[in-house]
Amino acid sequence: MTKKYKVHIDTKSPDFQLLNHEEKDCCLDSFKGKWLVLFFYPKDTTPSSIRQLTHFSKAEEEFKKRDAEAVGVSRNLPKSHVNVIHKHNLQVTLLSDPGRDAILKYNAWGKKNNQGKGFVGVKRTTYIIDPDGVVKFRFKHIKIASHIDEILEKLDELQNSSDTKEN
């Protein structure tokens, strides 16, 4: 049976230790001192995931302006991440979670539906974590086309106020 976790807004973000696409260890503290946009996606090779990764990559400068870094997590191994990064000229850090450690801690695993077929897998989920490692927002219902704009808007709002809500 899979252990159930619950991530709460305004609480310490769950720690993780995962390999990045360069096979270097990354943990939550690796991003301390800046805003972290931690996003979970199903697979490196699906068209929708490639579109999502491309959107995050193109927004890298906008994240930098906000002292934020976008980091993607999937079950793919680092070699797969390297391949997708090179093939699509991406500028985004990708973390490998084949054992689903972070995926489970961040509630990004569950029932999904694709063309009427139900299955269990990685659910597109994005968290905004402040420079002190505190969860400030969670996006659960993601539309890839507008997601970056929603994140940037929420980052601006969070950086200018203490308002934290969940969509």
C-alpha atoms as a PDB file:
ATOM      1  CA  MET A   1       0.000   0.000   0.000  1.00  0.00           C
ATOM      2  CA  THR A   2       1.244   3.502  -0.910  1.00  0.00           C
ATOM      3  CA  LYS A   3       1.782   5.872   2.004  1.00  0.00           C
ATOM      4  CA  LYS A   4      -0.434   8.972   1.815  1.00  0.00           C
ATOM      5  CA  TYR A   5       1.153  12.383   2.321  1.00  0.00           C
ATOM      6  CA  LYS A   6      -0.465  15.769   2.594  1.00  0.00           C
ATOM      7  CA  VAL A   7       1.362  18.950   1.676  1.00  0.00           C
ATOM      8  CA  HIS A   8      -0.100  21.997   3.370  1.00  0.00           C
ATOM      9  CA  ILE A   9       0.210  25.609   2.340  1.00  0.00           C
ATOM     10  CA  ASP A  10       2.454  27.663   4.682  1.00  0.00           C
ATOM     11  CA  THR A  11       4.269  24.589   6.011  1.00  0.00           C
ATOM     12  CA  LYS A  12       7.787  23.332   5.406  1.00  0.00           C
ATOM     13  CA  SER A  13       8.121  21.660   2.046  1.00  0.00           C
ATOM     14  CA  PRO A  14       8.909  17.928   2.125  1.00  0.00           C
ATOM     15  CA  ASP A  15      12.580  17.245   1.542  1.00  0.00           C
ATOM     16  CA  PHE A  16      13.792  15.132  -1.342  1.00  0.00           C
ATOM     17  CA  GLN A  17      17.091  13.851  -2.662  1.00  0.00           C
ATOM     18  CA  LEU A  18      17.071  13.129  -6.389  1.00  0.00           C
ATOM     19  CA  LEU A  19      19.573  13.026  -9.225  1.00  0.00           C
ATOM     20  CA  ASN A  20      19.440  15.818 -11.761  1.00  0.00           C
ATOM     21  CA  HIS A  21      20.050  15.335 -15.478  1.00  0.00           C
ATOM     22  CA  GLU A  22      23.804  15.685 -14.817  1.00  0.00           C
ATOM     23  CA  GLU A  23      23.551  12.844 -12.249  1.00  0.00           C
ATOM     24  CA  LYS A  24      24.298  15.223  -9.349  1.00  0.00           C
ATOM     25  CA  ASP A  25      22.363  14.980  -6.090  1.00  0.00           C
ATOM     26  CA  CYS A  26      19.740  17.668  -5.559  1.00  0.00           C
ATOM     27  CA  CYS A  27      17.688  18.197  -2.440  1.00  0.00           C
ATOM     28  CA  LEU A  28      15.329  20.909  -1.255  1.00  0.00           C
ATOM     29  CA  ASP A  29      18.242  22.799   0.334  1.00  0.00           C
ATOM     30  CA  SER A  30      19.954  22.943  -3.085  1.00  0.00           C
ATOM     31  CA  PHE A  31      17.437  25.688  -3.928  1.00  0.00           C
ATOM     32  CA  LYS A  32      17.426  27.522  -0.574  1.00  0.00           C
ATOM     33  CA  GLY A  33      17.508  31.294  -0.864  1.00  0.00           C
ATOM     34  CA  LYS A  34      15.431  31.517  -4.044  1.00  0.00           C
ATOM     35  CA  TRP A  35      11.876  30.777  -5.048  1.00  0.00           C
ATOM     36  CA  LEU A  36      11.385  27.249  -6.351  1.00  0.00           C
ATOM     37  CA  VAL A  37       8.763  26.274  -8.905  1.00  0.00           C
ATOM     38  CA  LEU A  38       8.689  22.499  -8.502  1.00  0.00           C
ATOM     39  CA  PHE A  39       6.643  20.820 -11.203  1.00  0.00           C
ATOM     40  CA  PHE A  40       5.801  17.172 -11.707  1.00  0.00           C
ATOM     41  CA  TYR A  41       5.107  15.728 -15.125  1.00  0.00           C
ATOM     42  CA  PRO A  42       4.467  12.198 -16.429  1.00  0.00           C
ATOM     43  CA  LYS A  43       7.170  11.420 -18.986  1.00  0.00           C
ATOM     44  CA  ASP A  44       9.961  13.030 -21.020  1.00  0.00           C
ATOM     45  CA  THR A  45       8.735  11.662 -24.339  1.00  0.00           C
ATOM     46  CA  THR A  46       5.032  12.485 -24.482  1.00  0.00           C
ATOM     47  CA  PRO A  47       4.039  15.393 -26.744  1.00  0.00           C
ATOM     48  CA  SER A  48       2.252  17.195 -23.894  1.00  0.00           C
ATOM     49  CA  SER A  49       5.247  16.840 -21.557  1.00  0.00           C
ATOM     50  CA  ILE A  50       7.626  18.110 -24.248  1.00  0.00           C
ATOM     51  CA  ARG A  51       5.306  21.098 -24.741  1.00  0.00           C
ATOM     52  CA  GLN A  52       5.249  21.708 -20.981  1.00  0.00           C
ATOM     53  CA  LEU A  53       9.052  21.439 -20.684  1.00  0.00           C
ATOM     54  CA  THR A  54       9.483  23.796 -23.643  1.00  0.00           C
ATOM     55  CA  HIS A  55       7.192  26.373 -22.017  1.00  0.00           C
ATOM     56  CA  PHE A  56       9.165  26.214 -18.763  1.00  0.00           C
ATOM     57  CA  SER A  57      12.436  26.488 -20.653  1.00  0.00           C
ATOM     58  CA  LYS A  58      11.299  29.526 -22.656  1.00  0.00           C
ATOM     59  CA  ALA A  59      10.248  31.242 -19.416  1.00  0.00           C
ATOM     60  CA  GLU A  60      13.662  30.815 -17.760  1.00  0.00           C
ATOM     61  CA  GLU A  61      14.472  34.555 -17.962  1.00  0.00           C
ATOM     62  CA  GLU A  62      11.091  35.457 -16.440  1.00  0.00           C
ATOM     63  CA  PHE A  63      11.789  33.102 -13.547  1.00  0.00           C
ATOM     64  CA  LYS A  64      15.271  34.603 -13.067  1.00  0.00           C
ATOM     65  CA  LYS A  65      13.754  38.111 -12.902  1.00  0.00           C
ATOM     66  CA  ARG A  66      11.687  36.828  -9.958  1.00  0.00           C
ATOM     67  CA  ASP A  67      14.665  35.118  -8.281  1.00  0.00           C
ATOM     68  CA  ALA A  68      13.002  31.777  -9.008  1.00  0.00           C
ATOM     69  CA  GLU A  69      14.063  28.507 -10.559  1.00  0.00           C
ATOM     70  CA  ALA A  70      11.772  26.024 -12.273  1.00  0.00           C
ATOM     71  CA  VAL A  71      12.637  22.371 -11.677  1.00  0.00           C
ATOM     72  CA  GLY A  72      10.818  19.436 -13.241  1.00  0.00           C
ATOM     73  CA  VAL A  73      10.417  15.975 -11.704  1.00  0.00           C
ATOM     74  CA  SER A  74       9.447  12.769 -13.481  1.00  0.00           C
ATOM     75  CA  ARG A  75      10.145   9.059 -13.103  1.00  0.00           C
ATOM     76  CA  ASN A  76      12.525   9.164 -16.072  1.00  0.00           C
ATOM     77  CA  LEU A  77      16.204   8.403 -15.507  1.00  0.00           C
ATOM     78  CA  PRO A  78      18.870  11.125 -15.911  1.00  0.00           C
ATOM     79  CA  LYS A  79      19.903   9.752 -19.336  1.00  0.00           C
ATOM     80  CA  SER A  80      16.350  10.288 -20.627  1.00  0.00           C
ATOM     81  CA  HIS A  81      16.395  13.840 -19.244  1.00  0.00           C
ATOM     82  CA  VAL A  82      19.712  14.535 -20.999  1.00  0.00           C
ATOM     83  CA  ASN A  83      18.278  13.261 -24.285  1.00  0.00           C
ATOM     84  CA  VAL A  84      15.127  15.421 -24.106  1.00  0.00           C
ATOM     85  CA  ILE A  85      17.132  18.482 -23.002  1.00  0.00           C
ATOM     86  CA  HIS A  86      19.533  18.161 -25.948  1.00  0.00           C
ATOM     87  CA  LYS A  87      16.907  17.186 -28.518  1.00  0.00           C
ATOM     88  CA  HIS A  88      14.659  20.152 -27.668  1.00  0.00           C
ATOM     89  CA  ASN A  89      17.370  22.617 -26.541  1.00  0.00           C
ATOM     90  CA  LEU A  90      15.789  23.013 -23.094  1.00  0.00           C
ATOM     91  CA  GLN A  91      17.046  25.313 -20.346  1.00  0.00           C
ATOM     92  CA  VAL A  92      15.393  23.674 -17.353  1.00  0.00           C
ATOM     93  CA  THR A  93      16.648  21.467 -14.533  1.00  0.00           C
ATOM     94  CA  LEU A  94      15.094  18.007 -14.544  1.00  0.00           C
ATOM     95  CA  LEU A  95      15.176  15.602 -11.612  1.00  0.00           C
ATOM     96  CA  SER A  96      14.839  11.836 -11.756  1.00  0.00           C
ATOM     97  CA  ASP A  97      12.461  10.109  -9.329  1.00  0.00           C
ATOM     98  CA  PRO A  98      12.121   6.490 -10.525  1.00  0.00           C
ATOM     99  CA  GLY A  99      11.186   5.327  -7.007  1.00  0.00           C
ATOM    100  CA  ARG A 100       8.449   8.003  -6.722  1.00  0.00           C
ATOM    101  CA  ASP A 101       9.844   9.373  -3.433  1.00  0.00           C
ATOM    102  CA  ALA A 102       9.187  13.062  -4.159  1.00  0.00           C
ATOM    103  CA  ILE A 103       6.253  12.273  -6.436  1.00  0.00           C
ATOM    104  CA  LEU A 104       4.465  10.603  -3.513  1.00  0.00           C
ATOM    105  CA  LYS A 105       5.505  13.215  -0.923  1.00  0.00           C
ATOM    106  CA  TYR A 106       4.100  15.980  -3.120  1.00  0.00           C
ATOM    107  CA  ASN A 107       0.830  14.182  -3.925  1.00  0.00           C
ATOM    108  CA  ALA A 108       1.640  13.989  -7.633  1.00  0.00           C
ATOM    109  CA  TRP A 109       0.686  10.312  -7.997  1.00  0.00           C
ATOM    110  CA  GLY A 110      -2.847   9.121  -8.453  1.00  0.00           C
ATOM    111  CA  LYS A 111      -5.749   8.203 -10.647  1.00  0.00           C
ATOM    112  CA  LYS A 112      -5.802   9.723 -14.111  1.00  0.00           C
ATOM    113  CA  ASN A 113      -7.976   9.445 -17.170  1.00  0.00           C
ATOM    114  CA  ASN A 114      -6.798   9.454 -20.777  1.00  0.00           C
ATOM    115  CA  GLN A 115      -9.349   9.140 -23.586  1.00  0.00           C
ATOM    116  CA  GLY A 116     -11.798   7.414 -21.261  1.00  0.00           C
ATOM    117  CA  LYS A 117      -9.287   4.929 -19.875  1.00  0.00           C
ATOM    118  CA  GLY A 118      -8.500   5.144 -16.177  1.00  0.00           C
ATOM    119  CA  PHE A 119      -5.020   4.417 -14.845  1.00  0.00           C
ATOM    120  CA  VAL A 120      -2.606   5.471 -12.093  1.00  0.00           C
ATOM    121  CA  GLY A 121       0.415   7.660 -12.778  1.00  0.00           C
ATOM    122  CA  VAL A 122       2.162  10.994 -12.285  1.00  0.00           C
ATOM    123  CA  LYS A 123      -0.318  13.866 -12.190  1.00  0.00           C
ATOM    124  CA  ARG A 124       0.786  17.255 -13.490  1.00  0.00           C
ATOM    125  CA  THR A 125       1.207  19.256 -10.319  1.00  0.00           C
ATOM    126  CA  THR A 126       3.181  22.435  -9.589  1.00  0.00           C
ATOM    127  CA  TYR A 127       4.261  23.904  -6.268  1.00  0.00           C
ATOM    128  CA  ILE A 128       5.655  27.321  -5.502  1.00  0.00           C
ATOM    129  CA  ILE A 129       8.088  27.153  -2.593  1.00  0.00           C
ATOM    130  CA  ASP A 130       9.527  30.291  -0.998  1.00  0.00           C
ATOM    131  CA  PRO A 131      13.259  30.916  -0.330  1.00  0.00           C
ATOM    132  CA  ASP A 132      12.906  29.455   3.188  1.00  0.00           C
ATOM    133  CA  GLY A 133      11.495  26.166   1.873  1.00  0.00           C
ATOM    134  CA  VAL A 134       7.856  26.893   2.770  1.00  0.00           C
ATOM    135  CA  VAL A 135       5.083  25.768   0.400  1.00  0.00           C
ATOM    136  CA  LYS A 136       3.172  28.840  -0.747  1.00  0.00           C
ATOM    137  CA  PHE A 137       0.912  27.549  -3.518  1.00  0.00           C
ATOM    138  CA  ARG A 138      -0.161  24.396  -5.335  1.00  0.00           C
ATOM    139  CA  PHE A 139      -1.518  24.165  -8.866  1.00  0.00           C
ATOM    140  CA  LYS A 140      -3.525  20.958  -9.319  1.00  0.00           C
ATOM    141  CA  HIS A 141      -5.568  21.593 -12.464  1.00  0.00           C
ATOM    142  CA  ILE A 142      -2.991  22.475 -15.087  1.00  0.00           C
ATOM    143  CA  LYS A 143      -3.622  23.685 -18.604  1.00  0.00           C
ATOM    144  CA  ILE A 144      -0.227  23.666 -20.289  1.00  0.00           C
ATOM    145  CA  ALA A 145      -0.975  26.589 -22.632  1.00  0.00           C
ATOM    146  CA  SER A 146      -1.671  29.066 -19.802  1.00  0.00           C
ATOM    147  CA  HIS A 147       0.290  27.506 -16.940  1.00  0.00           C
ATOM    148  CA  ILE A 148       3.463  29.620 -17.167  1.00  0.00           C
ATOM    149  CA  ASP A 149       1.443  32.858 -17.121  1.00  0.00           C
ATOM    150  CA  GLU A 150      -0.476  31.588 -14.072  1.00  0.00           C
ATOM    151  CA  ILE A 151       2.766  30.719 -12.275  1.00  0.00           C
ATOM    152  CA  LEU A 152       4.398  34.069 -13.029  1.00  0.00           C
ATOM    153  CA  GLU A 153       1.276  35.922 -11.915  1.00  0.00           C
ATOM    154  CA  LYS A 154       1.148  33.910  -8.675  1.00  0.00           C
ATOM    155  CA  LEU A 155       4.875  34.428  -8.050  1.00  0.00           C
ATOM    156  CA  ASP A 156       4.394  38.193  -8.428  1.00  0.00           C
ATOM    157  CA  GLU A 157       1.429  38.101  -6.059  1.00  0.00           C
ATOM    158  CA  LEU A 158       3.261  35.992  -3.465  1.00  0.00           C
ATOM    159  CA  GLN A 159       6.376  38.099  -3.607  1.00  0.00           C
ATOM    160  CA  ASN A 160       4.291  41.231  -3.062  1.00  0.00           C
ATOM    161  CA  SER A 161       1.944  39.898  -0.362  1.00  0.00           C
ATOM    162  CA  SER A 162       1.398  37.057   2.053  1.00  0.00           C
ATOM    163  CA  ASP A 163      -1.777  35.795   0.341  1.00  0.00           C
ATOM    164  CA  THR A 164      -1.645  32.012  -0.236  1.00  0.00           C
ATOM    165  CA  LYS A 165      -4.477  30.005  -1.714  1.00  0.00           C
ATOM    166  CA  GLU A 166      -4.868  26.803  -3.659  1.00  0.00           C
ATOM    167  CA  ASN A 167      -6.550  26.602  -7.054  1.00  0.00           C
END
